């Protein structure tokens, strides 16, 4: 009889640990998806040059990342409790203790894990696209500034004495 009660307590502990970790991972997934949506919106704002919208998105991204970071200690603790409930030692990653979970739990955790991986990969791709957009915008700005600077310091040939020119001329020389 005592063995049955201990087994029931162990199963309840395992079920509770699984439910807690699954809930935390689902929250991580929701936050990762939100970050992906924000990063895609950032792409659109970069393309149209909406600086105000970029600032708003950046603030929302910082908030989402802060929420993810705040969730991390809870995930670590839930993982530790689940590993203890499974009676394992020396493992810390989901992929390491996944085979030891009951079949239904293993399916649920595998699905969440795969969705997290997929979301992170897509987020990485969108971030790389945004980096390229920013680099292109920077190159365009630099090229424009160089073009304007070269025009400003070009000698004016319209109505001026080329020998007496001592100041930079703009498109129309004000002394002419």
Protein backbone atom coordinates (compact mmCIF):
# COMPACT_ATOMS: atom_id res chain seq x y z
CA UNK A 1 0.00 0.00 0.00
CA UNK A 2 2.81 2.44 0.88
CA UNK A 3 4.43 1.80 -2.50
CA UNK A 4 1.20 2.69 -4.27
CA UNK A 5 0.94 6.02 -2.42
CA UNK A 6 4.59 6.85 -3.17
CA UNK A 7 4.11 5.95 -6.81
CA UNK A 8 1.00 8.15 -7.00
CA UNK A 9 2.88 11.07 -5.42
CA UNK A 10 5.74 10.61 -7.90
CA UNK A 11 3.31 10.52 -10.83
CA UNK A 12 1.50 13.61 -9.55
CA UNK A 13 4.82 15.40 -9.15
CA UNK A 14 5.83 14.39 -12.67
CA UNK A 15 2.48 15.53 -14.10
CA UNK A 16 2.68 18.85 -12.26
CA UNK A 17 6.27 19.40 -13.37
CA UNK A 18 5.36 18.62 -16.98
CA UNK A 19 2.35 20.93 -16.89
CA UNK A 20 4.40 23.76 -15.38
CA UNK A 21 7.23 23.47 -17.89
CA UNK A 22 4.81 23.09 -20.79
CA UNK A 23 2.97 26.28 -19.70
CA UNK A 24 6.26 28.21 -19.46
CA UNK A 25 7.44 26.96 -22.86
CA UNK A 26 4.11 27.96 -24.38
CA UNK A 27 4.58 31.45 -22.93
CA UNK A 28 8.07 31.51 -24.47
CA UNK A 29 6.56 30.50 -27.80
CA UNK A 30 3.93 33.25 -27.62
CA UNK A 31 6.61 35.82 -26.84
CA UNK A 32 8.83 34.53 -29.66
CA UNK A 33 5.92 34.79 -32.10
CA UNK A 34 5.21 38.32 -30.90
CA UNK A 35 8.85 39.23 -31.42
CA UNK A 36 8.66 37.77 -34.93
CA UNK A 37 5.57 39.87 -35.75
CA UNK A 38 7.30 42.98 -34.41
CA UNK A 39 10.43 42.24 -36.43
CA UNK A 40 8.35 41.84 -39.59
CA UNK A 41 6.62 45.15 -38.82
CA UNK A 42 10.08 46.64 -38.37
CA UNK A 43 10.93 45.49 -41.91
CA UNK A 44 7.90 47.29 -43.28
CA UNK A 45 8.73 50.45 -41.34
CA UNK A 46 12.32 50.34 -42.62
CA UNK A 47 11.13 50.00 -46.21
CA UNK A 48 8.82 53.02 -46.00
CA UNK A 49 11.21 54.99 -43.77
CA UNK A 50 8.75 55.50 -40.89
CA UNK A 51 11.11 56.53 -38.08
CA UNK A 52 8.33 57.10 -35.53
CA UNK A 53 6.95 53.60 -36.12
CA UNK A 54 10.47 52.15 -35.83
CA UNK A 55 10.84 53.76 -32.41
CA UNK A 56 7.51 52.33 -31.27
CA UNK A 57 8.42 48.86 -32.52
CA UNK A 58 11.82 48.99 -30.86
CA UNK A 59 10.19 49.81 -27.51
CA UNK A 60 7.79 46.89 -27.93
CA UNK A 61 10.67 44.59 -28.86
CA UNK A 62 12.60 45.62 -25.74
CA UNK A 63 9.51 44.91 -23.62
CA UNK A 64 9.02 41.48 -25.21
CA UNK A 65 12.68 40.56 -24.71
CA UNK A 66 12.47 41.67 -21.07
CA UNK A 67 9.45 39.40 -20.60
CA UNK A 68 11.38 36.50 -22.13
CA UNK A 69 14.33 37.16 -19.84
CA UNK A 70 12.03 37.33 -16.80
CA UNK A 71 10.55 33.96 -17.77
CA UNK A 72 13.94 32.28 -18.10
CA UNK A 73 14.59 31.61 -14.36
CA UNK A 74 11.10 30.08 -14.10
CA UNK A 75 11.87 27.82 -17.07
CA UNK A 76 15.17 26.76 -15.52
CA UNK A 77 13.50 25.96 -12.19
CA UNK A 78 10.65 24.03 -13.86
CA UNK A 79 13.19 22.08 -15.90
CA UNK A 80 15.18 21.26 -12.77
CA UNK A 81 12.02 20.05 -10.98
CA UNK A 82 10.99 17.91 -13.94
CA UNK A 83 14.45 16.34 -14.19
CA UNK A 84 14.29 15.60 -10.46
CA UNK A 85 10.80 14.09 -10.85
CA UNK A 86 12.16 11.87 -13.63
CA UNK A 87 15.06 10.80 -11.38
CA UNK A 88 17.70 11.91 -13.87
CA UNK A 89 21.11 13.44 -13.25
CA UNK A 90 23.50 15.33 -15.49
CA UNK A 91 20.91 16.46 -18.05
CA UNK A 92 19.63 19.98 -18.49
CA UNK A 93 18.24 20.27 -22.01
CA UNK A 94 14.79 19.31 -23.16
CA UNK A 95 16.19 17.16 -25.95
CA UNK A 96 18.19 15.17 -23.37
CA UNK A 97 15.28 14.22 -21.09
CA UNK A 98 12.53 14.14 -23.72
CA UNK A 99 12.88 10.36 -24.30
CA UNK A 100 12.22 9.72 -20.58
CA UNK A 101 8.83 11.48 -20.60
CA UNK A 102 5.51 9.65 -20.97
CA UNK A 103 4.43 9.36 -24.62
CA UNK A 104 1.70 12.04 -24.48
CA UNK A 105 4.01 14.50 -22.72
CA UNK A 106 6.80 13.71 -25.16
CA UNK A 107 4.50 14.54 -28.10
CA UNK A 108 3.40 17.83 -26.53
CA UNK A 109 6.95 18.90 -25.67
CA UNK A 110 8.24 17.87 -29.09
CA UNK A 111 5.58 19.98 -30.79
CA UNK A 112 6.37 23.04 -28.65
CA UNK A 113 10.11 22.53 -29.16
CA UNK A 114 9.72 22.27 -32.94
CA UNK A 115 7.54 25.39 -33.05
CA UNK A 116 10.09 27.30 -30.96
CA UNK A 117 12.91 26.23 -33.26
CA UNK A 118 10.92 27.15 -36.38
CA UNK A 119 10.00 30.56 -34.93
CA UNK A 120 13.60 31.27 -33.92
CA UNK A 121 14.86 30.35 -37.39
CA UNK A 122 12.29 32.60 -39.07
CA UNK A 123 13.13 35.38 -36.63
CA UNK A 124 16.81 35.04 -37.56
CA UNK A 125 15.97 35.30 -41.27
CA UNK A 126 13.85 38.44 -40.78
CA UNK A 127 16.56 40.01 -38.61
CA UNK A 128 19.13 39.36 -41.35
CA UNK A 129 16.81 40.98 -43.89
CA UNK A 130 16.46 44.01 -41.59
CA UNK A 131 20.23 44.24 -41.27
CA UNK A 132 20.52 44.28 -45.06
CA UNK A 133 17.81 46.97 -45.26
CA UNK A 134 19.67 49.10 -42.73
CA UNK A 135 22.98 48.62 -44.53
CA UNK A 136 21.37 49.62 -47.83
CA UNK A 137 19.82 52.70 -46.24
CA UNK A 138 23.18 53.64 -44.74
CA UNK A 139 24.93 53.21 -48.09
CA UNK A 140 22.28 55.31 -49.82
CA UNK A 141 22.58 58.06 -47.19
CA UNK A 142 26.36 58.05 -47.45
CA UNK A 143 26.21 58.17 -51.24
CA UNK A 144 23.73 61.06 -51.08
CA UNK A 145 25.90 62.99 -48.65
CA UNK A 146 28.98 62.44 -50.80
CA UNK A 147 27.08 63.58 -53.87
CA UNK A 148 25.86 66.73 -52.12
CA UNK A 149 29.29 67.45 -50.68
CA UNK A 150 30.95 67.07 -54.06
CA UNK A 151 28.39 69.44 -55.59
CA UNK A 152 28.95 72.04 -52.89
CA UNK A 153 32.70 72.11 -53.38
CA UNK A 154 32.59 72.06 -57.18
CA UNK A 155 33.80 75.26 -58.76
CA UNK A 156 30.98 77.21 -60.24
CA UNK A 157 31.31 77.96 -63.93
CA UNK A 158 28.19 80.08 -64.18
CA UNK A 159 28.87 83.81 -64.20
CA UNK A 160 31.97 83.81 -61.98
CA UNK A 161 35.61 84.64 -62.38
CA UNK A 162 37.27 81.22 -62.11
CA UNK A 163 40.54 82.76 -60.93
CA UNK A 164 38.92 84.76 -58.10
CA UNK A 165 36.75 81.97 -56.63
CA UNK A 166 37.70 81.63 -52.98
CA UNK A 167 34.56 80.15 -51.32
CA UNK A 168 32.62 77.00 -52.15
CA UNK A 169 29.87 77.59 -54.68
CA UNK A 170 26.39 76.16 -54.41
CA UNK A 171 24.23 75.21 -57.31
CA UNK A 172 23.54 78.88 -58.02
CA UNK A 173 26.28 81.30 -57.03
CA UNK A 174 24.77 84.05 -54.89
CA UNK A 175 27.38 86.62 -56.07
CA UNK A 176 26.49 86.28 -59.74
